[in-house]
Amino acid sequence: MREKWKYHLFLFIVCWIWGLAFIAMKVLLDEVSFLTLNLARFILSSLFLLPAVAISWRRRPRLSVGEWTLVCVAGVAAVYGYHLSITYGETMVPAGTAGLVANITPVFAAVLSRFILYESLGWWKAAGIVMALGGVAVITVFGGGEEVGAGRVRGVLFILLAAFSWAVYTVLLKPLAEEHGAFFISAYAIFLGTVALLPLGFLGGDCVEELKSMSAAGWSWMLFLSLGCTVLGYFLYAKGLEGLGASLSAFYIYLIAPIALFWGWIILGETLNAAIFAGTAMILAGLMSVGWEERKAYSGSGSSP
């Protein structure tokens, strides 16, 4: 049991890194547009990933045309659906709120898995879905500490779209990652999503000028997102997943939402009120309910590590 401590440490570090990502995006949005932020982030992430892919190239999986199609759709869902939506949403809501709402991805994944992968959707999952979405509603209506405005609602809706898009990415790549390994499948998705983003970047027009005028602190946050969140975060999470399995690793992912709140309060001075805490509790309870039924299903099938 003692040799497992390093895997717990890896996942604990990942929680704090990924929780801080929402603050990094919020800070960068003061300097560049959401389009420029994502274009720079994914070009840098792809460049950082290339050496690792090149070193392991001989072990790459051979994908069929259908599998490549799934990876391409997943990559577009991740970059366009998740990252563009969440950064645009963060222009209208606090970073901590974005972190909370974005982390209800397992709720959408449970629904999509029912129709795409034909997984069960029992009472615990159904109750968890209702509870988590109720928490989002509480945060949207009462979390701002003032009368809810159209901008806040629109921001939350875009972040919900981001959570749904990440669920699409997860569900589409789940069988491919299990068959071929997560590293190459995830790297392919990032590369293809980045390529798909390039035309939009050229149409934006001001991306290069925005990057030229970005401060040193802004570049530090950009490198953190690219190297810290995408490359290092993925590596540490993959190692933790390998050592502890999906069921135990999921517990750490639930911590990202309150950690994002904490970073928003400490770094950005974002306000926390009773509605935020109540909505957080509802979201976490809903996520744990969904996760509990999934772990029970894996245990019953004998596939749990």
C-alpha atoms as a PDB file:
ATOM      1  CA  MET A   1       0.000   0.000   0.000  1.00  0.00           C
ATOM      2  CA  ARG A   2       2.885   2.352   0.729  1.00  0.00           C
ATOM      3  CA  GLU A   3       4.056   2.363  -2.896  1.00  0.00           C
ATOM      4  CA  LYS A   4       0.696   3.940  -3.888  1.00  0.00           C
ATOM      5  CA  TRP A   5       1.437   7.247  -2.151  1.00  0.00           C
ATOM      6  CA  LYS A   6       3.144   8.740  -5.212  1.00  0.00           C
ATOM      7  CA  TYR A   7       0.054   8.160  -7.368  1.00  0.00           C
ATOM      8  CA  HIS A   8      -2.114   9.937  -4.795  1.00  0.00           C
ATOM      9  CA  LEU A   9       0.412  12.788  -4.853  1.00  0.00           C
ATOM     10  CA  PHE A  10       0.306  12.976  -8.668  1.00  0.00           C
ATOM     11  CA  LEU A  11      -3.490  13.302  -8.680  1.00  0.00           C
ATOM     12  CA  PHE A  12      -3.502  15.795  -5.809  1.00  0.00           C
ATOM     13  CA  ILE A  13      -1.083  18.014  -7.756  1.00  0.00           C
ATOM     14  CA  VAL A  14      -3.238  17.691 -10.889  1.00  0.00           C
ATOM     15  CA  CYS A  15      -6.294  18.962  -8.964  1.00  0.00           C
ATOM     16  CA  TRP A  16      -4.495  22.138  -7.962  1.00  0.00           C
ATOM     17  CA  ILE A  17      -3.047  22.650 -11.464  1.00  0.00           C
ATOM     18  CA  TRP A  18      -6.367  22.165 -13.242  1.00  0.00           C
ATOM     19  CA  GLY A  19      -8.220  24.237 -10.648  1.00  0.00           C
ATOM     20  CA  LEU A  20      -5.777  27.085 -11.275  1.00  0.00           C
ATOM     21  CA  ALA A  21      -6.391  26.856 -15.043  1.00  0.00           C
ATOM     22  CA  PHE A  22      -9.687  28.757 -14.685  1.00  0.00           C
ATOM     23  CA  ILE A  23      -7.874  31.629 -12.991  1.00  0.00           C
ATOM     24  CA  ALA A  24      -5.164  31.623 -15.686  1.00  0.00           C
ATOM     25  CA  MET A  25      -7.812  31.921 -18.396  1.00  0.00           C
ATOM     26  CA  LYS A  26      -9.583  34.749 -16.543  1.00  0.00           C
ATOM     27  CA  VAL A  27      -6.333  36.712 -16.180  1.00  0.00           C
ATOM     28  CA  LEU A  28      -5.371  36.196 -19.821  1.00  0.00           C
ATOM     29  CA  LEU A  29      -8.794  37.364 -21.016  1.00  0.00           C
ATOM     30  CA  ASP A  30      -7.879  40.812 -19.702  1.00  0.00           C
ATOM     31  CA  GLU A  31      -5.052  40.921 -22.271  1.00  0.00           C
ATOM     32  CA  VAL A  32      -6.212  38.900 -25.289  1.00  0.00           C
ATOM     33  CA  SER A  33      -9.439  37.677 -26.856  1.00  0.00           C
ATOM     34  CA  PHE A  34     -10.752  34.210 -26.099  1.00  0.00           C
ATOM     35  CA  LEU A  35      -9.841  33.178 -29.666  1.00  0.00           C
ATOM     36  CA  THR A  36      -6.229  34.339 -29.374  1.00  0.00           C
ATOM     37  CA  LEU A  37      -5.904  32.640 -25.988  1.00  0.00           C
ATOM     38  CA  ASN A  38      -6.949  29.265 -27.381  1.00  0.00           C
ATOM     39  CA  LEU A  39      -4.962  29.568 -30.585  1.00  0.00           C
ATOM     40  CA  ALA A  40      -1.731  30.320 -28.703  1.00  0.00           C
ATOM     41  CA  ARG A  41      -2.428  27.704 -26.036  1.00  0.00           C
ATOM     42  CA  PHE A  42      -2.976  24.842 -28.455  1.00  0.00           C
ATOM     43  CA  ILE A  43      -0.145  25.707 -30.806  1.00  0.00           C
ATOM     44  CA  LEU A  44       2.200  25.729 -27.803  1.00  0.00           C
ATOM     45  CA  SER A  45       0.663  22.523 -26.394  1.00  0.00           C
ATOM     46  CA  SER A  46       1.111  20.765 -29.734  1.00  0.00           C
ATOM     47  CA  LEU A  47       4.745  21.876 -29.925  1.00  0.00           C
ATOM     48  CA  PHE A  48       5.380  20.606 -26.390  1.00  0.00           C
ATOM     49  CA  LEU A  49       3.704  17.265 -27.193  1.00  0.00           C
ATOM     50  CA  LEU A  50       5.545  16.645 -30.464  1.00  0.00           C
ATOM     51  CA  PRO A  51       8.840  15.430 -28.910  1.00  0.00           C
ATOM     52  CA  ALA A  52       7.005  12.930 -26.677  1.00  0.00           C
ATOM     53  CA  VAL A  53       5.025  11.623 -29.660  1.00  0.00           C
ATOM     54  CA  ALA A  54       8.175  11.398 -31.783  1.00  0.00           C
ATOM     55  CA  ILE A  55      10.034   9.403 -29.121  1.00  0.00           C
ATOM     56  CA  SER A  56       7.172   6.893 -28.889  1.00  0.00           C
ATOM     57  CA  TRP A  57       6.309   6.890 -32.593  1.00  0.00           C
ATOM     58  CA  ARG A  58       7.226   3.241 -33.207  1.00  0.00           C
ATOM     59  CA  ARG A  59       4.601   2.194 -30.663  1.00  0.00           C
ATOM     60  CA  ARG A  60       1.824   4.254 -32.235  1.00  0.00           C
ATOM     61  CA  PRO A  61      -1.518   2.484 -32.759  1.00  0.00           C
ATOM     62  CA  ARG A  62      -2.826   1.813 -36.255  1.00  0.00           C
ATOM     63  CA  LEU A  63      -6.273   3.363 -36.549  1.00  0.00           C
ATOM     64  CA  SER A  64      -8.967   2.604 -39.077  1.00  0.00           C
ATOM     65  CA  VAL A  65     -10.690   5.343 -41.098  1.00  0.00           C
ATOM     66  CA  GLY A  66     -13.673   5.167 -38.751  1.00  0.00           C
ATOM     67  CA  GLU A  67     -11.447   5.509 -35.696  1.00  0.00           C
ATOM     68  CA  TRP A  68      -9.650   8.490 -37.201  1.00  0.00           C
ATOM     69  CA  THR A  69     -13.059  10.075 -37.829  1.00  0.00           C
ATOM     70  CA  LEU A  70     -13.988   9.652 -34.152  1.00  0.00           C
ATOM     71  CA  VAL A  71     -10.671  11.145 -33.034  1.00  0.00           C
ATOM     72  CA  CYS A  72     -11.160  14.120 -35.371  1.00  0.00           C
ATOM     73  CA  VAL A  73     -14.710  14.770 -34.124  1.00  0.00           C
ATOM     74  CA  ALA A  74     -13.516  14.448 -30.517  1.00  0.00           C
ATOM     75  CA  GLY A  75     -10.641  16.870 -31.129  1.00  0.00           C
ATOM     76  CA  VAL A  76     -12.992  19.479 -32.611  1.00  0.00           C
ATOM     77  CA  ALA A  77     -15.429  18.940 -29.717  1.00  0.00           C
ATOM     78  CA  ALA A  78     -12.602  19.514 -27.224  1.00  0.00           C
ATOM     79  CA  VAL A  79     -11.058  22.602 -28.819  1.00  0.00           C
ATOM     80  CA  TYR A  80     -14.123  24.293 -30.316  1.00  0.00           C
ATOM     81  CA  GLY A  81     -16.839  22.967 -28.037  1.00  0.00           C
ATOM     82  CA  TYR A  82     -15.005  22.956 -24.707  1.00  0.00           C
ATOM     83  CA  HIS A  83     -12.157  25.445 -24.781  1.00  0.00           C
ATOM     84  CA  LEU A  84     -13.695  28.169 -26.950  1.00  0.00           C
ATOM     85  CA  SER A  85     -16.980  27.932 -25.051  1.00  0.00           C
ATOM     86  CA  ILE A  86     -15.435  28.012 -21.593  1.00  0.00           C
ATOM     87  CA  THR A  87     -13.134  30.947 -22.315  1.00  0.00           C
ATOM     88  CA  TYR A  88     -15.991  32.907 -23.882  1.00  0.00           C
ATOM     89  CA  GLY A  89     -18.174  32.031 -20.891  1.00  0.00           C
ATOM     90  CA  GLU A  90     -15.455  33.291 -18.533  1.00  0.00           C
ATOM     91  CA  THR A  91     -15.759  36.751 -20.056  1.00  0.00           C
ATOM     92  CA  MET A  92     -19.178  36.915 -18.332  1.00  0.00           C
ATOM     93  CA  VAL A  93     -18.848  34.915 -15.089  1.00  0.00           C
ATOM     94  CA  PRO A  94     -16.203  34.609 -12.344  1.00  0.00           C
ATOM     95  CA  ALA A  95     -13.432  32.034 -12.735  1.00  0.00           C
ATOM     96  CA  GLY A  96     -14.562  30.066  -9.674  1.00  0.00           C
ATOM     97  CA  THR A  97     -18.102  29.785 -11.023  1.00  0.00           C
ATOM     98  CA  ALA A  98     -16.728  28.602 -14.349  1.00  0.00           C
ATOM     99  CA  GLY A  99     -14.712  25.924 -12.555  1.00  0.00           C
ATOM    100  CA  LEU A 100     -17.777  24.710 -10.694  1.00  0.00           C
ATOM    101  CA  VAL A 101     -20.112  24.527 -13.671  1.00  0.00           C
ATOM    102  CA  ALA A 102     -17.537  23.065 -16.067  1.00  0.00           C
ATOM    103  CA  ASN A 103     -16.890  20.134 -13.754  1.00  0.00           C
ATOM    104  CA  ILE A 104     -20.374  18.677 -14.150  1.00  0.00           C
ATOM    105  CA  THR A 105     -19.049  16.915 -17.260  1.00  0.00           C
ATOM    106  CA  PRO A 106     -19.664  13.447 -15.672  1.00  0.00           C
ATOM    107  CA  VAL A 107     -23.382  14.283 -15.611  1.00  0.00           C
ATOM    108  CA  PHE A 108     -23.494  14.791 -19.376  1.00  0.00           C
ATOM    109  CA  ALA A 109     -21.148  11.849 -19.922  1.00  0.00           C
ATOM    110  CA  ALA A 110     -23.567   9.589 -18.026  1.00  0.00           C
ATOM    111  CA  VAL A 111     -26.449  10.638 -20.305  1.00  0.00           C
ATOM    112  CA  LEU A 112     -24.400  10.305 -23.512  1.00  0.00           C
ATOM    113  CA  SER A 113     -23.004   6.936 -22.429  1.00  0.00           C
ATOM    114  CA  ARG A 114     -26.549   5.680 -22.040  1.00  0.00           C
ATOM    115  CA  PHE A 115     -27.363   6.411 -25.692  1.00  0.00           C
ATOM    116  CA  ILE A 116     -23.958   5.970 -27.373  1.00  0.00           C
ATOM    117  CA  LEU A 117     -22.271   3.213 -25.337  1.00  0.00           C
ATOM    118  CA  TYR A 118     -25.539   1.678 -24.026  1.00  0.00           C
ATOM    119  CA  GLU A 119     -24.408   1.935 -20.404  1.00  0.00           C
ATOM    120  CA  SER A 120     -27.017   1.771 -17.657  1.00  0.00           C
ATOM    121  CA  LEU A 121     -28.674   4.888 -16.229  1.00  0.00           C
ATOM    122  CA  GLY A 122     -30.031   3.904 -12.830  1.00  0.00           C
ATOM    123  CA  TRP A 123     -31.681   5.817 -10.017  1.00  0.00           C
ATOM    124  CA  TRP A 124     -28.423   7.004  -8.441  1.00  0.00           C
ATOM    125  CA  LYS A 125     -27.217   8.498 -11.718  1.00  0.00           C
ATOM    126  CA  ALA A 126     -30.613  10.068 -12.418  1.00  0.00           C
ATOM    127  CA  ALA A 127     -30.741  11.605  -8.932  1.00  0.00           C
ATOM    128  CA  GLY A 128     -27.147  12.820  -9.308  1.00  0.00           C
ATOM    129  CA  ILE A 129     -27.939  14.488 -12.625  1.00  0.00           C
ATOM    130  CA  VAL A 130     -30.905  16.355 -11.135  1.00  0.00           C
ATOM    131  CA  MET A 131     -28.895  17.351  -8.043  1.00  0.00           C
ATOM    132  CA  ALA A 132     -25.898  18.658 -10.020  1.00  0.00           C
ATOM    133  CA  LEU A 133     -28.033  20.647 -12.470  1.00  0.00           C
ATOM    134  CA  GLY A 134     -29.979  22.042  -9.519  1.00  0.00           C
ATOM    135  CA  GLY A 135     -26.678  23.226  -8.042  1.00  0.00           C
ATOM    136  CA  VAL A 136     -25.848  24.988 -11.313  1.00  0.00           C
ATOM    137  CA  ALA A 137     -29.251  26.715 -11.197  1.00  0.00           C
ATOM    138  CA  VAL A 138     -28.680  27.899  -7.607  1.00  0.00           C
ATOM    139  CA  ILE A 139     -25.265  29.328  -8.512  1.00  0.00           C
ATOM    140  CA  THR A 140     -26.618  30.996 -11.663  1.00  0.00           C
ATOM    141  CA  VAL A 141     -29.577  32.690  -9.995  1.00  0.00           C
ATOM    142  CA  PHE A 142     -28.223  33.470  -6.515  1.00  0.00           C
ATOM    143  CA  GLY A 143     -24.425  33.101  -6.707  1.00  0.00           C
ATOM    144  CA  GLY A 144     -23.769  36.576  -8.073  1.00  0.00           C
ATOM    145  CA  GLY A 145     -25.055  38.293  -4.934  1.00  0.00           C
ATOM    146  CA  GLU A 146     -27.208  40.575  -7.077  1.00  0.00           C
ATOM    147  CA  GLU A 147     -30.108  40.382  -9.503  1.00  0.00           C
ATOM    148  CA  VAL A 148     -29.294  37.818 -12.174  1.00  0.00           C
ATOM    149  CA  GLY A 149     -28.545  39.421 -15.538  1.00  0.00           C
ATOM    150  CA  ALA A 150     -28.650  38.172 -19.122  1.00  0.00           C
ATOM    151  CA  GLY A 151     -24.849  38.222 -19.326  1.00  0.00           C
ATOM    152  CA  ARG A 152     -24.426  35.895 -16.352  1.00  0.00           C
ATOM    153  CA  VAL A 153     -27.031  33.462 -17.690  1.00  0.00           C
ATOM    154  CA  ARG A 154     -25.406  33.504 -21.126  1.00  0.00           C
ATOM    155  CA  GLY A 155     -21.993  32.881 -19.573  1.00  0.00           C
ATOM    156  CA  VAL A 156     -23.250  29.896 -17.576  1.00  0.00           C
ATOM    157  CA  LEU A 157     -24.956  28.477 -20.690  1.00  0.00           C
ATOM    158  CA  PHE A 158     -21.690  28.635 -22.626  1.00  0.00           C
ATOM    159  CA  ILE A 159     -19.882  26.876 -19.785  1.00  0.00           C
ATOM    160  CA  LEU A 160     -22.601  24.204 -19.748  1.00  0.00           C
ATOM    161  CA  LEU A 161     -21.977  23.822 -23.481  1.00  0.00           C
ATOM    162  CA  ALA A 162     -18.287  23.380 -22.657  1.00  0.00           C
ATOM    163  CA  ALA A 163     -19.089  20.671 -20.094  1.00  0.00           C
ATOM    164  CA  PHE A 164     -21.329  18.901 -22.615  1.00  0.00           C
ATOM    165  CA  SER A 165     -18.635  19.108 -25.312  1.00  0.00           C
ATOM    166  CA  TRP A 166     -16.034  17.593 -22.987  1.00  0.00           C
ATOM    167  CA  ALA A 167     -18.484  14.786 -22.250  1.00  0.00           C
ATOM    168  CA  VAL A 168     -18.755  14.177 -26.024  1.00  0.00           C
ATOM    169  CA  TYR A 169     -14.953  14.079 -26.215  1.00  0.00           C
ATOM    170  CA  THR A 170     -14.763  11.645 -23.290  1.00  0.00           C
ATOM    171  CA  VAL A 171     -17.465   9.283 -24.530  1.00  0.00           C
ATOM    172  CA  LEU A 172     -16.163   9.188 -28.119  1.00  0.00           C
ATOM    173  CA  LEU A 173     -12.586   8.469 -27.084  1.00  0.00           C
ATOM    174  CA  LYS A 174     -13.311   6.091 -24.193  1.00  0.00           C
ATOM    175  CA  PRO A 175     -13.408   2.867 -26.270  1.00  0.00           C
ATOM    176  CA  LEU A 176     -10.438   3.993 -28.398  1.00  0.00           C
ATOM    177  CA  ALA A 177      -8.334   4.848 -25.345  1.00  0.00           C
ATOM    178  CA  GLU A 178      -9.145   1.482 -23.776  1.00  0.00           C
ATOM    179  CA  GLU A 179      -8.126  -0.360 -26.948  1.00  0.00           C
ATOM    180  CA  HIS A 180      -5.115   1.669 -28.106  1.00  0.00           C
ATOM    181  CA  GLY A 181      -3.948   3.542 -24.989  1.00  0.00           C
ATOM    182  CA  ALA A 182      -4.772   7.076 -23.898  1.00  0.00           C
ATOM    183  CA  PHE A 183      -1.504   8.817 -24.807  1.00  0.00           C
ATOM    184  CA  PHE A 184      -1.582   8.650 -28.605  1.00  0.00           C
ATOM    185  CA  ILE A 185      -5.365   8.967 -28.843  1.00  0.00           C
ATOM    186  CA  SER A 186      -5.323  12.147 -26.727  1.00  0.00           C
ATOM    187  CA  ALA A 187      -2.308  13.543 -28.604  1.00  0.00           C
ATOM    188  CA  TYR A 188      -3.966  12.909 -31.974  1.00  0.00           C
ATOM    189  CA  ALA A 189      -7.132  14.666 -30.760  1.00  0.00           C
ATOM    190  CA  ILE A 190      -5.126  17.700 -29.607  1.00  0.00           C
ATOM    191  CA  PHE A 191      -3.221  17.912 -32.907  1.00  0.00           C
ATOM    192  CA  LEU A 192      -6.379  17.606 -35.032  1.00  0.00           C
ATOM    193  CA  GLY A 193      -8.296  20.079 -32.857  1.00  0.00           C
ATOM    194  CA  THR A 194      -5.427  22.572 -33.167  1.00  0.00           C
ATOM    195  CA  VAL A 195      -5.368  22.223 -36.969  1.00  0.00           C
ATOM    196  CA  ALA A 196      -9.133  22.779 -37.057  1.00  0.00           C
ATOM    197  CA  LEU A 197      -8.697  25.960 -34.990  1.00  0.00           C
ATOM    198  CA  LEU A 198      -6.082  27.539 -37.294  1.00  0.00           C
ATOM    199  CA  PRO A 199      -8.500  28.836 -39.977  1.00  0.00           C
ATOM    200  CA  LEU A 200     -10.578  30.590 -37.318  1.00  0.00           C
ATOM    201  CA  GLY A 201      -7.398  32.183 -36.014  1.00  0.00           C
ATOM    202  CA  PHE A 202      -6.532  33.578 -39.417  1.00  0.00           C
ATOM    203  CA  LEU A 203     -10.049  34.944 -39.813  1.00  0.00           C
ATOM    204  CA  GLY A 204      -9.755  36.650 -36.414  1.00  0.00           C
ATOM    205  CA  GLY A 205      -7.114  38.994 -37.801  1.00  0.00           C
ATOM    206  CA  ASP A 206      -5.838  40.553 -34.549  1.00  0.00           C
ATOM    207  CA  CYS A 207      -4.350  37.447 -32.939  1.00  0.00           C
ATOM    208  CA  VAL A 208      -0.715  38.206 -33.814  1.00  0.00           C
ATOM    209  CA  GLU A 209      -0.958  41.830 -32.665  1.00  0.00           C
ATOM    210  CA  GLU A 210      -2.588  40.758 -29.376  1.00  0.00           C
ATOM    211  CA  LEU A 211       0.199  38.251 -28.697  1.00  0.00           C
ATOM    212  CA  LYS A 212       2.863  40.865 -29.486  1.00  0.00           C
ATOM    213  CA  SER A 213       1.420  43.211 -26.873  1.00  0.00           C
ATOM    214  CA  MET A 214       0.948  40.556 -24.181  1.00  0.00           C
ATOM    215  CA  SER A 215       2.850  41.169 -20.936  1.00  0.00           C
ATOM    216  CA  ALA A 216       5.510  38.903 -19.424  1.00  0.00           C
ATOM    217  CA  ALA A 217       3.014  37.884 -16.738  1.00  0.00           C
ATOM    218  CA  GLY A 218       0.532  37.014 -19.482  1.00  0.00           C
ATOM    219  CA  TRP A 219       3.070  34.790 -21.221  1.00  0.00           C
ATOM    220  CA  SER A 220       3.786  33.090 -17.900  1.00  0.00           C
ATOM    221  CA  TRP A 221       0.097  32.225 -17.537  1.00  0.00           C
ATOM    222  CA  MET A 222      -0.001  31.082 -21.186  1.00  0.00           C
ATOM    223  CA  LEU A 223       2.958  28.735 -20.627  1.00  0.00           C
ATOM    224  CA  PHE A 224       1.274  27.451 -17.492  1.00  0.00           C
ATOM    225  CA  LEU A 225      -1.869  26.583 -19.479  1.00  0.00           C
ATOM    226  CA  SER A 226       0.083  24.961 -22.318  1.00  0.00           C
ATOM    227  CA  LEU A 227       2.877  23.162 -20.517  1.00  0.00           C
ATOM    228  CA  GLY A 228       1.442  22.878 -17.006  1.00  0.00           C
ATOM    229  CA  CYS A 229      -2.218  22.060 -17.663  1.00  0.00           C
ATOM    230  CA  THR A 230      -2.123  20.277 -20.998  1.00  0.00           C
ATOM    231  CA  VAL A 231       1.227  18.445 -20.988  1.00  0.00           C
ATOM    232  CA  LEU A 232       2.282  18.038 -17.327  1.00  0.00           C
ATOM    233  CA  GLY A 233      -1.307  17.771 -16.082  1.00  0.00           C
ATOM    234  CA  TYR A 234      -2.122  15.031 -18.578  1.00  0.00           C
ATOM    235  CA  PHE A 235       1.086  13.117 -17.781  1.00  0.00           C
ATOM    236  CA  LEU A 236       0.491  13.203 -14.016  1.00  0.00           C
ATOM    237  CA  TYR A 237      -3.171  12.261 -14.400  1.00  0.00           C
ATOM    238  CA  ALA A 238      -2.306   9.360 -16.715  1.00  0.00           C
ATOM    239  CA  LYS A 239       0.261   8.082 -14.184  1.00  0.00           C
ATOM    240  CA  GLY A 240      -2.224   8.419 -11.316  1.00  0.00           C
ATOM    241  CA  LEU A 241      -4.910   6.645 -13.327  1.00  0.00           C
ATOM    242  CA  GLU A 242      -2.457   3.864 -14.120  1.00  0.00           C
ATOM    243  CA  GLY A 243      -1.527   3.400 -10.469  1.00  0.00           C
ATOM    244  CA  LEU A 244      -4.916   3.800  -8.747  1.00  0.00           C
ATOM    245  CA  GLY A 245      -7.536   2.992 -11.391  1.00  0.00           C
ATOM    246  CA  ALA A 246     -10.523   4.996 -12.598  1.00  0.00           C
ATOM    247  CA  SER A 247     -12.715   4.657  -9.501  1.00  0.00           C
ATOM    248  CA  LEU A 248     -10.266   6.094  -6.974  1.00  0.00           C
ATOM    249  CA  SER A 249      -8.904   8.666  -9.421  1.00  0.00           C
ATOM    250  CA  ALA A 250     -12.410  10.071  -9.918  1.00  0.00           C
ATOM    251  CA  PHE A 251     -12.462  11.225  -6.283  1.00  0.00           C
ATOM    252  CA  TYR A 252      -9.624  13.660  -6.988  1.00  0.00           C
ATOM    253  CA  ILE A 253     -11.378  15.110 -10.049  1.00  0.00           C
ATOM    254  CA  TYR A 254     -14.283  16.106  -7.798  1.00  0.00           C
ATOM    255  CA  LEU A 255     -11.864  18.352  -5.896  1.00  0.00           C
ATOM    256  CA  ILE A 256     -11.179  20.576  -8.916  1.00  0.00           C
ATOM    257  CA  ALA A 257     -14.412  22.576  -8.496  1.00  0.00           C
ATOM    258  CA  PRO A 258     -13.829  23.739  -4.883  1.00  0.00           C
ATOM    259  CA  ILE A 259     -10.139  24.290  -5.642  1.00  0.00           C
ATOM    260  CA  ALA A 260     -11.101  26.603  -8.531  1.00  0.00           C
ATOM    261  CA  LEU A 261     -13.308  28.523  -6.077  1.00  0.00           C
ATOM    262  CA  PHE A 262     -10.411  28.775  -3.636  1.00  0.00           C
ATOM    263  CA  TRP A 263      -7.967  30.066  -6.279  1.00  0.00           C
ATOM    264  CA  GLY A 264     -10.554  32.587  -7.506  1.00  0.00           C
ATOM    265  CA  TRP A 265     -11.011  33.894  -3.972  1.00  0.00           C
ATOM    266  CA  ILE A 266      -7.268  34.043  -3.173  1.00  0.00           C
ATOM    267  CA  ILE A 267      -5.891  35.396  -6.464  1.00  0.00           C
ATOM    268  CA  LEU A 268      -8.771  37.360  -8.000  1.00  0.00           C
ATOM    269  CA  GLY A 269     -10.679  38.325  -4.857  1.00  0.00           C
ATOM    270  CA  GLU A 270     -13.901  36.767  -6.130  1.00  0.00           C
ATOM    271  CA  THR A 271     -16.836  36.874  -3.722  1.00  0.00           C
ATOM    272  CA  LEU A 272     -18.136  33.717  -2.063  1.00  0.00           C
ATOM    273  CA  ASN A 273     -21.633  33.640  -0.580  1.00  0.00           C
ATOM    274  CA  ALA A 274     -24.058  31.101   0.865  1.00  0.00           C
ATOM    275  CA  ALA A 275     -25.552  30.341  -2.565  1.00  0.00           C
ATOM    276  CA  ILE A 276     -22.106  29.477  -3.952  1.00  0.00           C
ATOM    277  CA  PHE A 277     -21.453  27.049  -1.081  1.00  0.00           C
ATOM    278  CA  ALA A 278     -24.937  25.519  -1.373  1.00  0.00           C
ATOM    279  CA  GLY A 279     -24.613  25.110  -5.144  1.00  0.00           C
ATOM    280  CA  THR A 280     -21.140  23.607  -4.729  1.00  0.00           C
ATOM    281  CA  ALA A 281     -22.458  21.071  -2.225  1.00  0.00           C
ATOM    282  CA  MET A 282     -25.298  20.115  -4.593  1.00  0.00           C
ATOM    283  CA  ILE A 283     -22.940  19.719  -7.557  1.00  0.00           C
ATOM    284  CA  LEU A 284     -20.457  17.594  -5.588  1.00  0.00           C
ATOM    285  CA  ALA A 285     -23.270  15.438  -4.169  1.00  0.00           C
ATOM    286  CA  GLY A 286     -24.620  14.921  -7.678  1.00  0.00           C
ATOM    287  CA  LEU A 287     -21.202  14.019  -9.090  1.00  0.00           C
ATOM    288  CA  MET A 288     -20.532  11.543  -6.287  1.00  0.00           C
ATOM    289  CA  SER A 289     -23.948   9.955  -6.843  1.00  0.00           C
ATOM    290  CA  VAL A 290     -23.198   9.474 -10.541  1.00  0.00           C
ATOM    291  CA  GLY A 291     -19.704   8.203  -9.741  1.00  0.00           C
ATOM    292  CA  TRP A 292     -20.957   5.818  -7.058  1.00  0.00           C
ATOM    293  CA  GLU A 293     -23.273   4.027  -9.492  1.00  0.00           C
ATOM    294  CA  GLU A 294     -20.482   3.780 -12.091  1.00  0.00           C
ATOM    295  CA  ARG A 295     -18.067   2.303  -9.546  1.00  0.00           C
ATOM    296  CA  LYS A 296     -20.754  -0.145  -8.403  1.00  0.00           C
ATOM    297  CA  ALA A 297     -21.292  -1.233 -12.025  1.00  0.00           C
ATOM    298  CA  TYR A 298     -17.567  -1.742 -12.609  1.00  0.00           C
ATOM    299  CA  SER A 299     -17.254  -3.684  -9.377  1.00  0.00           C
ATOM    300  CA  GLY A 300     -20.169  -5.893 -10.301  1.00  0.00           C
ATOM    301  CA  SER A 301     -18.668  -6.691 -13.695  1.00  0.00           C
ATOM    302  CA  GLY A 302     -15.294  -7.538 -12.225  1.00  0.00           C
ATOM    303  CA  SER A 303     -13.511  -4.852 -14.254  1.00  0.00           C
ATOM    304  CA  SER A 304     -12.586  -2.606 -11.343  1.00  0.00           C
ATOM    305  CA  PRO A 305      -8.856  -2.696 -10.525  1.00  0.00           C
END
